[in-house]
Every structure is written in structure tokens, then in C-alpha cells.
């Protein structure tokens, strides 16, 4: 198991009511992620513009593990199903 201090930073653009955001956070927590740098684009509209310029996408969640853009919830779930999420979390 990866120790929290060894994990890369997890950044996630979210909104407060998005069920996909909640699912992504639950999956990450189930894989041992203790802390997510959550950026709420519904509370900070300027952050949505930044998210779009950074990812080219308008939907949430948008997830980064370290500097790697994973995509949304579906991409995160697929990464986990292929067994590729935990190695990314291990750094």
C-alpha cells in the first residue's frame, strides 16, 4: 500500500452537486488517497475558465494525478479497471 506522503498531488475540478465528482472522490479515497486538492468551479467561476484552458474540457470532474491530466470520472474508473490507477498513485 502506498503511504499518503508518497502519493503525488491529486487535483480535481468539481462542483458541489455533481454525482460524477462524488463517485471519483469515493474511488480515489478507496484507493488510499487521503487528500484531494478540490477546486470548486461553481463557487469560483474564474476557475472554470482556467480548467477549460488547462484541459480543453468544460465538464467536471477534471482530474489530475501529479502533472498528468486523467480526464473525468469515466476515464478514472477505466484506469482503475485496467489496473493502472494504483501505480499512478504510487508515483
Foldseek 3Di string as FASTA:
>chain_A
DADQVQFAAKEWEAAPPDPQQVVQVVVVVVLPHPDHNYHYCVVPVVVQVVVCVLPVDNDDTFMDGHNRTQGTSVSQVVCVVVVNVNVSRND
